[in-house]
Structures are given as structure tokens and as C-alpha cells.
């Protein structure tokens, strides 16, 4: 099994762990293969790199022997970052810093180390960068958003000793990219909660591994598609969570349709039979106004069980998980 090592204390495996509590936190990850459907946004540019999804063959084409030479000079952390970036599809410099450089004595030292390592991977044409020219990112190298190149994908195949599939890269839309990065921010919040000792991460599934097959009301095969599935452990309980990251861009009827899908999946009893418990669905929202709107819409819908859902802003997510689904401490009896 190939591992993505975060540091000496935490590791991520690419295969899912079982549902039993684990002695040390692990987080299984799966590469998302879906291509964004929205139209590209002209404000997203590629910095100094070639057009997205294309490379200059004379400067980036590498054979297996050359890739092996490159890999031989990479540190374990370099390889971990390459594997982690492929799993997340896109990461900002700051997110990479939070994932892999958090043990440095200062944030300045961590930032410098992250920039240095990313520059090395970039010089080997293993990763490429988008430069975001609008939005809430700092200037300079910290503004970059990174993705794995074709050469990087092949190098990952070499690491795993498998033939890598060439992934189709399309320039992402702003909305799609914002959502992907917000999911990572949410996952980082949970990882950092684990680091503080508030709870222990037992298992993490990303898309599409976290999707759950079931039959809809018409008997047709479909999937429940949360953004993340998390299992956490506290001294007294193991809790299961399905995470939906809301950016405030979807109309409430769309949110309610997703809630009805969760309700139907719950009523089917599939998850309860498989895991012995049904996860709480947590909507992570951008602000209190959005939280109140979604809470009111769910409460006003008689066919939805309020206890299946929690609506929370990101900065309260760690408290919610540590409290077993409540901000006021553990709730006896666990989840559904």
C-alpha cells in the first residue's frame, strides 16, 4: 500500500480503513476523476506555465528512466506532496503548508519551506500552477494554486508500480475551483482538530470513494454524493459524518433535494446495516445568515428529520465534531 505521509505523527493511506476505531489517525484518499462542467473563467490564468492541460514537449517530456532519476532525488515529503496534490486535484500554497509543514517553529519558516519545496517540484515539471488574480489570496508565491502535470501523473504511476491513466485536464471554472478548495479547507479544519487532541480521525473518504449507492424512489440506481465522509473517535464514542460544503451559491430547493436524498438513503437502512450507525450530515456554510436559511428550510419541511442534519460555519466545525454533533459537549447515545 502506498502511503502519503504528512509527517512523523500522521499518515494518510490511499485505501480506506475499516470502520473499527484505529489507534492512530488515518485518512484514506481517492483522486476525484470528474472534470468540471462549468465554463472556464477568464480570470483564472496559469501564471508562467503553459496553457492548462498542455505542455511544451521539448521541455517537459520525460521517459521512465529520467522520471526515476527525478524521483530518486525527491525526499519523502516531496513524494507525499505529489501524491496528496493528485488526490486533492488542486491545492493552494497555503493549504500545502498547512498539510505538510505545520511542525515548523514559525509560520514564516513553514511558508518559506513550502515555497522552496514547491519550486523544486515545479522545476522537475511534476506540478504546475494556476495564478489566481481575483479573490481572497495573498500576493506572490502564496497566491498560486497547484495541480499535477502529466509527468507528475506518470511519476506517481512509477511510485506505485502501475501504469498511470492520463487524466483529462480542463481549465476549471471559478465556481468549481472555489468548491474544491473549500472542501480542502474543511478537511484541514478537521485534521487540525485532530492535531489539537479534540478527537482522533479514524477514517476519511474523499470523492468518489465517499459516494453511497442506493435506489431512488423510482427504483433507479443512483448515488448519494457527499463531499467528504469522516469517522472520528473521542474517549467515549466513535462518530460518523457526511460533510457537505455549501458556498452559498445553490438555491434552497437544490439544498433541500440533497437533504431528501440523505433522508431516503437513511430510510433504506443500507448504511446502518453496513456500519451499525447512520452518519450525521453536516452542512458547512459560509456565514450565519446562510445557516439560518437552511435550518429554517429543513425545519419547515415535514418530510425531513431535523436530527439527521447539522448546519454550521467552518470555525465551529471542530467543536461540533468534538461534541458528537452538538456545540455543548458530547450527546449521549451517539448518532442514528
Protein backbone atom coordinates (compact mmCIF):
# COMPACT_ATOMS: atom_id res chain seq x y z
CA UNK A 1 0.00 0.00 0.00
CA UNK A 2 1.36 3.42 -0.93
CA UNK A 3 1.29 5.96 1.86
CA UNK A 4 1.00 9.71 1.87
CA UNK A 5 2.98 10.78 4.90
CA UNK A 6 2.01 14.08 6.44
CA UNK A 7 4.88 13.92 8.91
CA UNK A 8 6.24 11.56 11.54
CA UNK A 9 3.00 11.64 13.50
CA UNK A 10 0.24 11.43 10.88
CA UNK A 11 -0.08 9.40 7.72
CA UNK A 12 -2.69 9.02 5.01
CA UNK A 13 -3.32 5.82 3.14
CA UNK A 14 -4.90 5.68 -0.25
CA UNK A 15 -7.10 2.75 0.68
CA UNK A 16 -9.98 3.07 3.12
CA UNK A 17 -9.56 1.77 6.62
CA UNK A 18 -12.27 -0.39 8.15
CA UNK A 19 -14.98 1.00 10.39
CA UNK A 20 -13.39 -0.02 13.68
CA UNK A 21 -11.56 2.58 15.80
CA UNK A 22 -7.91 2.99 14.92
CA UNK A 23 -5.06 3.58 17.34
CA UNK A 24 -3.61 6.34 15.17
CA UNK A 25 -5.45 8.76 12.86
CA UNK A 26 -5.51 7.78 9.22
CA UNK A 27 -7.24 9.37 6.28
CA UNK A 28 -7.86 7.37 3.13
CA UNK A 29 -7.95 9.48 -0.01
CA UNK A 30 -9.16 8.94 -3.52
CA UNK A 31 -8.43 11.00 -6.61
CA UNK A 32 -11.51 12.72 -8.00
CA UNK A 33 -11.81 11.84 -11.67
CA UNK A 34 -14.69 14.16 -12.55
CA UNK A 35 -13.88 17.05 -14.86
CA UNK A 36 -15.54 20.39 -14.11
CA UNK A 37 -18.62 21.02 -16.19
CA UNK A 38 -18.82 24.78 -15.82
CA UNK A 39 -17.29 27.09 -18.40
CA UNK A 40 -13.73 28.29 -17.72
CA UNK A 41 -13.38 31.68 -16.11
CA UNK A 42 -11.07 34.13 -17.88
CA UNK A 43 -9.77 35.45 -14.55
CA UNK A 44 -8.06 32.12 -13.86
CA UNK A 45 -4.69 32.10 -15.57
CA UNK A 46 -1.72 29.82 -15.43
CA UNK A 47 0.96 32.19 -14.24
CA UNK A 48 4.12 31.43 -16.18
CA UNK A 49 3.13 27.85 -17.05
CA UNK A 50 1.89 26.61 -20.46
CA UNK A 51 -1.87 26.59 -21.21
CA UNK A 52 -3.71 24.31 -18.79
CA UNK A 53 -3.63 20.67 -19.81
CA UNK A 54 -0.89 21.27 -22.38
CA UNK A 55 2.86 21.13 -22.01
CA UNK A 56 5.86 22.08 -24.09
CA UNK A 57 7.02 18.65 -25.24
CA UNK A 58 10.61 19.79 -25.75
CA UNK A 59 10.91 20.90 -22.12
CA UNK A 60 8.60 18.53 -20.21
CA UNK A 61 8.55 15.17 -21.99
CA UNK A 62 10.28 12.61 -19.81
CA UNK A 63 10.94 8.92 -20.16
CA UNK A 64 10.72 6.42 -17.34
CA UNK A 65 14.47 6.45 -16.76
CA UNK A 66 14.51 10.23 -16.41
CA UNK A 67 11.49 10.15 -14.10
CA UNK A 68 13.21 7.56 -11.91
CA UNK A 69 16.22 9.84 -11.66
CA UNK A 70 13.96 12.69 -10.59
CA UNK A 71 12.17 10.51 -8.04
CA UNK A 72 15.49 9.33 -6.61
CA UNK A 73 16.30 12.92 -5.66
CA UNK A 74 12.94 13.64 -4.03
CA UNK A 75 12.52 13.48 -0.27
CA UNK A 76 9.74 11.52 1.37
CA UNK A 77 7.89 14.78 1.94
CA UNK A 78 8.31 15.73 -1.73
CA UNK A 79 6.69 12.45 -2.71
CA UNK A 80 3.96 12.90 -0.14
CA UNK A 81 3.10 16.32 -1.53
CA UNK A 82 2.98 14.95 -5.08
CA UNK A 83 0.64 12.13 -4.04
CA UNK A 84 -1.50 14.45 -1.91
CA UNK A 85 -1.83 17.01 -4.68
CA UNK A 86 -3.01 14.31 -7.08
CA UNK A 87 -5.58 13.16 -4.53
CA UNK A 88 -6.98 16.66 -3.95
CA UNK A 89 -6.70 17.75 -7.61
CA UNK A 90 -5.93 21.36 -6.63
CA UNK A 91 -4.21 22.83 -3.57
CA UNK A 92 -3.09 26.32 -2.75
CA UNK A 93 0.38 27.02 -1.41
CA UNK A 94 -1.18 27.83 1.96
CA UNK A 95 -3.12 24.55 2.04
CA UNK A 96 0.03 22.59 1.22
CA UNK A 97 1.80 24.46 4.01
CA UNK A 98 -0.95 23.54 6.48
CA UNK A 99 -0.93 19.90 5.41
CA UNK A 100 2.79 19.20 5.27
CA UNK A 101 4.74 21.99 7.01
CA UNK A 102 2.77 22.58 10.21
CA UNK A 103 5.53 21.36 12.55
CA UNK A 104 7.86 24.27 11.77
CA UNK A 105 8.67 26.67 14.61
CA UNK A 106 7.01 29.63 12.89
CA UNK A 107 4.55 30.25 10.09
CA UNK A 108 7.21 32.24 8.25
CA UNK A 109 9.62 29.31 8.31
CA UNK A 110 6.82 26.97 7.21
CA UNK A 111 5.86 29.27 4.34
CA UNK A 112 9.44 29.56 3.13
CA UNK A 113 9.94 25.80 3.28
CA UNK A 114 6.70 25.18 1.39
CA UNK A 115 7.60 27.64 -1.36
CA UNK A 116 11.06 26.11 -1.68
CA UNK A 117 9.76 22.55 -2.00
CA UNK A 118 7.05 23.52 -4.47
CA UNK A 119 9.61 25.36 -6.57
CA UNK A 120 11.70 22.18 -6.69
CA UNK A 121 8.75 20.02 -7.75
CA UNK A 122 7.80 22.65 -10.31
CA UNK A 123 11.35 22.73 -11.72
CA UNK A 124 11.08 18.98 -12.29
CA UNK A 125 7.80 19.62 -14.21
CA UNK A 126 5.94 17.35 -11.78
CA UNK A 127 3.46 20.08 -10.83
CA UNK A 128 2.05 23.18 -12.50
CA UNK A 129 0.45 26.30 -11.13
CA UNK A 130 -2.57 28.43 -11.75
CA UNK A 131 -2.31 32.02 -10.63
CA UNK A 132 -5.47 33.35 -9.14
CA UNK A 133 -5.77 37.03 -9.90
CA UNK A 134 -9.03 37.64 -8.04
CA UNK A 135 -10.34 36.52 -4.67
CA UNK A 136 -9.01 36.31 -1.17
CA UNK A 137 -5.48 35.06 -1.63
CA UNK A 138 -2.24 36.78 -0.70
CA UNK A 139 0.09 38.01 -3.41
CA UNK A 140 3.30 36.44 -4.62
CA UNK A 141 4.01 32.73 -4.49
CA UNK A 142 1.37 32.19 -1.81
CA UNK A 143 -1.32 33.08 -4.39
CA UNK A 144 -0.62 30.03 -6.51
CA UNK A 145 -2.95 27.08 -6.94
CA UNK A 146 -1.17 23.86 -7.89
CA UNK A 147 -2.03 20.75 -9.90
CA UNK A 148 -0.11 17.66 -11.00
CA UNK A 149 1.24 17.59 -14.58
CA UNK A 150 1.17 14.66 -16.99
CA UNK A 151 4.78 14.00 -16.00
CA UNK A 152 3.74 14.07 -12.35
CA UNK A 153 0.95 11.57 -13.01
CA UNK A 154 3.41 9.24 -14.71
CA UNK A 155 5.84 9.64 -11.82
CA UNK A 156 3.06 8.68 -9.41
CA UNK A 157 2.46 5.59 -11.55
CA UNK A 158 6.16 4.79 -11.26
CA UNK A 159 5.97 5.15 -7.47
CA UNK A 160 3.02 2.76 -7.32
CA UNK A 161 4.49 0.48 -9.98
CA UNK A 162 1.32 0.79 -12.06
CA UNK A 163 0.52 2.32 -15.42
CA UNK A 164 -0.87 5.81 -14.85
CA UNK A 165 -4.05 6.85 -16.62
CA UNK A 166 -3.76 10.13 -18.41
CA UNK A 167 -6.26 12.42 -16.79
CA UNK A 168 -8.06 14.97 -18.89
CA UNK A 169 -7.31 18.43 -17.57
CA UNK A 170 -9.67 21.27 -18.38
CA UNK A 171 -9.21 24.76 -17.07
CA UNK A 172 -11.55 24.88 -14.07
CA UNK A 173 -14.31 27.39 -13.59
CA UNK A 174 -14.12 29.76 -10.64
CA UNK A 175 -17.14 28.13 -9.01
CA UNK A 176 -15.76 24.61 -9.36
CA UNK A 177 -12.33 25.62 -8.10
CA UNK A 178 -13.77 27.52 -5.14
CA UNK A 179 -15.76 24.45 -4.14
CA UNK A 180 -12.79 22.06 -4.41
CA UNK A 181 -10.58 24.37 -2.36
CA UNK A 182 -13.35 24.88 0.21
CA UNK A 183 -13.65 21.12 0.66
CA UNK A 184 -9.91 21.01 1.35
CA UNK A 185 -10.23 23.86 3.86
CA UNK A 186 -12.96 21.87 5.60
CA UNK A 187 -10.83 18.75 5.67
CA UNK A 188 -7.91 20.79 7.01
CA UNK A 189 -10.10 22.10 9.82
CA UNK A 190 -10.83 18.50 10.81
CA UNK A 191 -7.16 17.46 10.54
CA UNK A 192 -6.11 20.39 12.69
CA UNK A 193 -8.78 19.46 15.23
CA UNK A 194 -7.21 16.02 15.39
CA UNK A 195 -3.78 17.58 15.93
CA UNK A 196 -5.05 19.53 18.94
CA UNK A 197 -6.36 16.32 20.52
CA UNK A 198 -10.02 17.33 20.32
CA UNK A 199 -10.74 13.98 18.65
CA UNK A 200 -8.97 11.33 16.59
CA UNK A 201 -9.57 10.84 12.87
CA UNK A 202 -10.21 7.16 12.22
CA UNK A 203 -11.14 7.35 8.56
CA UNK A 204 -11.58 9.90 5.79
CA UNK A 205 -13.09 9.22 2.38
CA UNK A 206 -12.97 11.79 -0.40
CA UNK A 207 -14.94 11.80 -3.64
CA UNK A 208 -15.79 9.45 -5.27
CA UNK A 209 -14.93 6.93 -2.54
CA UNK A 210 -17.38 8.57 -0.15
CA UNK A 211 -20.32 8.18 -2.54
CA UNK A 212 -23.01 5.71 -1.47
CA UNK A 213 -25.08 3.69 -3.99
CA UNK A 214 -28.79 3.19 -3.38
CA UNK A 215 -32.12 3.02 -5.21
CA UNK A 216 -34.18 6.19 -5.53
CA UNK A 217 -37.95 6.36 -5.13
CA UNK A 218 -38.42 5.12 -8.70
CA UNK A 219 -36.21 2.08 -8.15
CA UNK A 220 -33.38 3.53 -10.21
CA UNK A 221 -29.75 3.11 -9.19
CA UNK A 222 -28.18 6.36 -8.03
CA UNK A 223 -25.60 7.66 -5.56
CA UNK A 224 -25.65 9.87 -2.53
CA UNK A 225 -22.68 12.18 -3.12
CA UNK A 226 -21.36 13.96 -0.03
CA UNK A 227 -18.15 15.95 -0.34
CA UNK A 228 -16.46 14.02 2.48
CA UNK A 229 -17.10 11.08 4.77
CA UNK A 230 -15.34 11.18 8.13
CA UNK A 231 -15.14 8.83 11.12
CA UNK A 232 -13.83 10.34 14.36
CA UNK A 233 -13.21 8.96 17.81
CA UNK A 234 -13.41 10.52 21.26
CA UNK A 235 -12.77 8.67 24.54
CA UNK A 236 -16.40 7.58 24.77
CA UNK A 237 -17.74 7.47 21.20
CA UNK A 238 -16.98 6.85 17.56
CA UNK A 239 -18.89 9.25 15.31
CA UNK A 240 -19.65 9.11 11.59
CA UNK A 241 -20.11 12.22 9.47
CA UNK A 242 -21.09 13.10 5.92
CA UNK A 243 -19.86 16.58 5.06
CA UNK A 244 -21.49 18.89 2.53
CA UNK A 245 -19.60 22.10 1.79
CA UNK A 246 -22.00 24.89 0.88
CA UNK A 247 -20.67 28.05 -0.77
CA UNK A 248 -23.98 29.91 -0.63
CA UNK A 249 -24.36 29.63 -4.41
CA UNK A 250 -27.07 26.98 -4.61
CA UNK A 251 -30.76 27.79 -4.32
CA UNK A 252 -32.52 26.39 -1.27
CA UNK A 253 -34.63 23.94 -3.35
CA UNK A 254 -31.35 22.36 -4.52
CA UNK A 255 -30.13 22.08 -0.94
CA UNK A 256 -33.44 20.52 0.09
CA UNK A 257 -33.24 17.98 -2.76
CA UNK A 258 -29.89 16.86 -1.37
CA UNK A 259 -31.42 16.64 2.09
CA UNK A 260 -34.26 14.50 0.75
CA UNK A 261 -31.67 12.20 -0.83
CA UNK A 262 -30.00 11.84 2.59
CA UNK A 263 -33.38 11.14 4.18
CA UNK A 264 -34.20 8.44 1.63
CA UNK A 265 -30.77 6.85 1.99
CA UNK A 266 -31.30 6.81 5.76
CA UNK A 267 -34.74 5.23 5.36
CA UNK A 268 -33.27 2.50 3.15
CA UNK A 269 -31.16 1.33 6.12
CA UNK A 270 -28.15 0.49 3.95
CA UNK A 271 -25.57 2.42 5.97
CA UNK A 272 -26.95 1.21 9.28
CA UNK A 273 -26.67 -2.40 8.14
CA UNK A 274 -23.13 -1.85 6.85
CA UNK A 275 -21.69 0.27 9.66
CA UNK A 276 -24.16 -0.09 12.53
CA UNK A 277 -24.75 3.66 12.62
CA UNK A 278 -26.01 6.41 10.31
CA UNK A 279 -23.75 9.44 9.90
CA UNK A 280 -24.83 12.97 10.68
CA UNK A 281 -24.91 15.14 7.58
CA UNK A 282 -23.10 18.40 8.31
CA UNK A 283 -23.65 21.36 6.03
CA UNK A 284 -20.63 23.67 6.33
CA UNK A 285 -21.85 27.13 5.36
CA UNK A 286 -20.10 30.48 4.80
CA UNK A 287 -21.98 32.56 7.39
CA UNK A 288 -24.73 32.70 9.99
CA UNK A 289 -27.30 34.10 7.55
CA UNK A 290 -26.92 31.09 5.28
CA UNK A 291 -27.06 28.76 8.27
CA UNK A 292 -30.34 30.23 9.47
CA UNK A 293 -31.89 29.98 5.99
CA UNK A 294 -31.01 26.30 5.60
CA UNK A 295 -32.07 25.46 9.16
CA UNK A 296 -35.42 27.16 8.60
CA UNK A 297 -35.97 25.39 5.27
CA UNK A 298 -35.24 21.96 6.77
CA UNK A 299 -37.44 22.64 9.80
CA UNK A 300 -40.31 23.74 7.57
CA UNK A 301 -40.13 20.51 5.54
CA UNK A 302 -42.27 17.90 7.27
CA UNK A 303 -40.72 15.00 5.34
CA UNK A 304 -37.22 15.72 6.69
CA UNK A 305 -35.93 14.56 10.08
CA UNK A 306 -34.09 17.52 11.59
CA UNK A 307 -31.91 15.23 13.68
CA UNK A 308 -30.18 13.93 10.55
CA UNK A 309 -28.64 17.34 9.83
CA UNK A 310 -26.37 19.93 11.37
CA UNK A 311 -25.73 23.33 9.81
CA UNK A 312 -22.51 25.00 10.94
CA UNK A 313 -19.95 27.63 9.99
CA UNK A 314 -16.43 26.35 9.40
CA UNK A 315 -14.94 27.89 12.53
CA UNK A 316 -17.36 25.87 14.70
CA UNK A 317 -16.80 22.54 12.95
CA UNK A 318 -14.12 21.27 15.35
CA UNK A 319 -16.36 21.98 18.35
CA UNK A 320 -19.27 20.21 16.68
CA UNK A 321 -17.23 17.08 15.96
CA UNK A 322 -15.60 17.06 19.40
CA UNK A 323 -19.06 17.41 20.92
CA UNK A 324 -20.51 14.48 19.00
CA UNK A 325 -22.90 16.62 16.98
CA UNK A 326 -23.57 19.42 19.46
CA UNK A 327 -21.63 22.55 20.36
CA UNK A 328 -22.39 21.98 24.06
CA UNK A 329 -20.49 18.74 24.58
CA UNK A 330 -21.00 15.01 23.90
CA UNK A 331 -24.54 13.88 23.24
CA UNK A 332 -25.30 10.50 24.89
CA UNK A 333 -26.39 7.71 22.57
CA UNK A 334 -24.28 8.59 19.55
CA UNK A 335 -25.71 9.11 16.06
CA UNK A 336 -28.67 7.49 14.36
